[in-house]
Amino acid sequence: MAQFLRRQGRDAWALQGGLAAWRAAGYPMEPKAVTAPLPAHDADCPDCDQPVEQHQLVAT
């Protein structure tokens, strides 16, 4: 990814150990913006047509 970004003119560096090492070291992370609201609890999942209540929803 760093090489791709450098080719695009960005100042980018590869992290030894990647994102997992960054998190393990306790470095800051920016939360991912929510682009769409979660479906209602009693709605069907748009991806699998199963009730949403059967899914384990995990906030990231």
N, C-alpha and C. Protein backbone atom coordinates (compact mmCIF):
# COMPACT_ATOMS: atom_id res chain seq x y z
N MET A 1 0.83 -1.18 0.00
CA MET A 1 0.00 0.00 0.00
C MET A 1 0.88 1.25 0.00
N ALA A 2 1.94 1.24 0.80
CA ALA A 2 2.82 2.42 0.84
C ALA A 2 3.41 2.70 -0.53
N GLN A 3 3.82 1.66 -1.23
CA GLN A 3 4.40 1.84 -2.56
C GLN A 3 3.36 2.44 -3.52
N PHE A 4 2.13 1.96 -3.45
CA PHE A 4 1.06 2.50 -4.28
C PHE A 4 0.86 3.99 -3.98
N LEU A 5 0.82 4.35 -2.71
CA LEU A 5 0.62 5.75 -2.34
C LEU A 5 1.79 6.63 -2.78
N ARG A 6 3.01 6.10 -2.68
CA ARG A 6 4.17 6.86 -3.14
C ARG A 6 4.08 7.12 -4.64
N ARG A 7 3.62 6.14 -5.39
CA ARG A 7 3.46 6.32 -6.84
C ARG A 7 2.41 7.38 -7.17
N GLN A 8 1.50 7.61 -6.23
CA GLN A 8 0.47 8.63 -6.41
C GLN A 8 0.95 10.00 -5.92
N GLY A 9 2.24 10.07 -5.52
CA GLY A 9 2.80 11.34 -5.09
C GLY A 9 2.65 11.61 -3.60
N ARG A 10 2.22 10.63 -2.83
CA ARG A 10 2.04 10.80 -1.39
C ARG A 10 3.31 10.44 -0.64
N ASP A 11 3.50 11.03 0.53
CA ASP A 11 4.61 10.69 1.40
C ASP A 11 4.12 9.56 2.30
N ALA A 12 4.44 8.32 1.96
CA ALA A 12 3.92 7.16 2.69
C ALA A 12 5.04 6.20 3.03
N TRP A 13 4.88 5.51 4.16
CA TRP A 13 5.87 4.55 4.63
C TRP A 13 5.17 3.28 5.06
N ALA A 14 5.82 2.15 4.82
CA ALA A 14 5.29 0.86 5.29
C ALA A 14 5.61 0.74 6.79
N LEU A 15 4.65 0.23 7.55
CA LEU A 15 4.83 0.04 8.99
C LEU A 15 5.24 -1.40 9.26
N GLN A 16 6.34 -1.58 9.96
CA GLN A 16 6.76 -2.93 10.32
C GLN A 16 5.70 -3.51 11.25
N GLY A 17 5.13 -4.63 10.87
CA GLY A 17 4.07 -5.25 11.67
C GLY A 17 2.68 -4.78 11.28
N GLY A 18 2.62 -3.79 10.40
CA GLY A 18 1.34 -3.32 9.88
C GLY A 18 0.44 -2.67 10.92
N LEU A 19 -0.84 -2.62 10.59
CA LEU A 19 -1.83 -1.98 11.45
C LEU A 19 -1.95 -2.68 12.80
N ALA A 20 -1.80 -3.99 12.81
CA ALA A 20 -1.90 -4.73 14.08
C ALA A 20 -0.82 -4.26 15.06
N ALA A 21 0.40 -4.04 14.57
CA ALA A 21 1.48 -3.56 15.43
C ALA A 21 1.20 -2.13 15.90
N TRP A 22 0.64 -1.31 15.02
CA TRP A 22 0.30 0.07 15.38
C TRP A 22 -0.69 0.07 16.54
N ARG A 23 -1.75 -0.73 16.41
CA ARG A 23 -2.76 -0.81 17.48
C ARG A 23 -2.16 -1.36 18.77
N ALA A 24 -1.35 -2.41 18.65
CA ALA A 24 -0.75 -3.04 19.83
C ALA A 24 0.16 -2.06 20.57
N ALA A 25 0.79 -1.14 19.86
CA ALA A 25 1.66 -0.15 20.48
C ALA A 25 0.87 0.98 21.14
N GLY A 26 -0.46 1.00 20.91
CA GLY A 26 -1.30 2.02 21.52
C GLY A 26 -1.29 3.36 20.81
N TYR A 27 -0.84 3.37 19.56
CA TYR A 27 -0.83 4.61 18.80
C TYR A 27 -2.26 5.03 18.46
N PRO A 28 -2.48 6.32 18.20
CA PRO A 28 -3.85 6.80 17.98
C PRO A 28 -4.46 6.26 16.68
N MET A 29 -5.75 6.08 16.73
CA MET A 29 -6.53 5.65 15.57
C MET A 29 -7.68 6.64 15.40
N GLU A 30 -8.07 6.89 14.18
CA GLU A 30 -9.24 7.71 13.93
C GLU A 30 -10.41 6.79 13.63
N PRO A 31 -11.57 7.07 14.23
CA PRO A 31 -12.72 6.21 13.97
C PRO A 31 -13.18 6.31 12.52
N LYS A 32 -13.70 5.20 12.04
CA LYS A 32 -14.24 5.17 10.68
C LYS A 32 -15.62 5.83 10.70
N ALA A 33 -15.85 6.72 9.77
CA ALA A 33 -17.14 7.39 9.69
C ALA A 33 -18.20 6.40 9.21
N VAL A 34 -19.36 6.48 9.80
CA VAL A 34 -20.47 5.63 9.39
C VAL A 34 -21.07 6.22 8.12
N THR A 35 -21.15 5.41 7.08
CA THR A 35 -21.68 5.91 5.81
C THR A 35 -23.16 5.58 5.63
N ALA A 36 -23.66 4.62 6.39
CA ALA A 36 -25.07 4.26 6.30
C ALA A 36 -25.53 3.79 7.68
N PRO A 37 -26.75 4.10 8.06
CA PRO A 37 -27.24 3.65 9.36
C PRO A 37 -27.41 2.14 9.39
N LEU A 38 -27.30 1.56 10.58
CA LEU A 38 -27.58 0.13 10.73
C LEU A 38 -29.06 -0.12 10.49
N PRO A 39 -29.42 -1.26 9.93
CA PRO A 39 -30.84 -1.56 9.73
C PRO A 39 -31.56 -1.72 11.06
N ALA A 40 -32.85 -1.50 11.06
CA ALA A 40 -33.65 -1.66 12.27
C ALA A 40 -33.52 -3.09 12.79
N HIS A 41 -33.67 -3.24 14.10
CA HIS A 41 -33.49 -4.54 14.75
C HIS A 41 -34.40 -5.62 14.14
N ASP A 42 -35.59 -5.24 13.72
CA ASP A 42 -36.54 -6.23 13.19
C ASP A 42 -36.52 -6.30 11.66
N ALA A 43 -35.57 -5.64 11.02
CA ALA A 43 -35.47 -5.64 9.56
C ALA A 43 -34.66 -6.84 9.08
N ASP A 44 -34.77 -7.14 7.80
CA ASP A 44 -33.95 -8.18 7.19
C ASP A 44 -32.63 -7.57 6.73
N CYS A 45 -31.57 -8.34 6.85
CA CYS A 45 -30.24 -7.90 6.42
C CYS A 45 -30.25 -7.74 4.90
N PRO A 46 -29.76 -6.61 4.38
CA PRO A 46 -29.75 -6.42 2.93
C PRO A 46 -28.76 -7.33 2.21
N ASP A 47 -27.81 -7.91 2.94
CA ASP A 47 -26.81 -8.78 2.31
C ASP A 47 -27.25 -10.24 2.24
N CYS A 48 -27.97 -10.72 3.28
CA CYS A 48 -28.29 -12.15 3.31
C CYS A 48 -29.78 -12.44 3.49
N ASP A 49 -30.60 -11.41 3.63
CA ASP A 49 -32.05 -11.54 3.79
C ASP A 49 -32.47 -12.30 5.04
N GLN A 50 -31.58 -12.43 6.01
CA GLN A 50 -31.93 -13.02 7.30
C GLN A 50 -32.25 -11.89 8.27
N PRO A 51 -33.06 -12.17 9.32
CA PRO A 51 -33.36 -11.11 10.29
C PRO A 51 -32.07 -10.55 10.91
N VAL A 52 -31.99 -9.24 11.01
CA VAL A 52 -30.81 -8.59 11.57
C VAL A 52 -30.56 -9.07 12.99
N GLU A 53 -31.62 -9.37 13.74
CA GLU A 53 -31.46 -9.80 15.13
C GLU A 53 -30.66 -11.09 15.25
N GLN A 54 -30.51 -11.85 14.16
CA GLN A 54 -29.71 -13.07 14.20
C GLN A 54 -28.22 -12.79 14.02
N HIS A 55 -27.87 -11.58 13.64
CA HIS A 55 -26.47 -11.21 13.45
C HIS A 55 -25.88 -10.69 14.75
N GLN A 56 -24.58 -10.91 14.91
CA GLN A 56 -23.86 -10.31 16.02
C GLN A 56 -23.25 -9.02 15.49
N LEU A 57 -23.81 -7.88 15.89
CA LEU A 57 -23.32 -6.60 15.41
C LEU A 57 -22.17 -6.15 16.31
N VAL A 58 -21.07 -5.75 15.69
CA VAL A 58 -19.88 -5.33 16.43
C VAL A 58 -19.51 -3.93 15.99
N ALA A 59 -19.41 -3.01 16.94
CA ALA A 59 -18.96 -1.65 16.63
C ALA A 59 -17.45 -1.67 16.46
N THR A 60 -16.98 -1.00 15.41
CA THR A 60 -15.53 -0.94 15.18
C THR A 60 -15.03 0.47 15.31
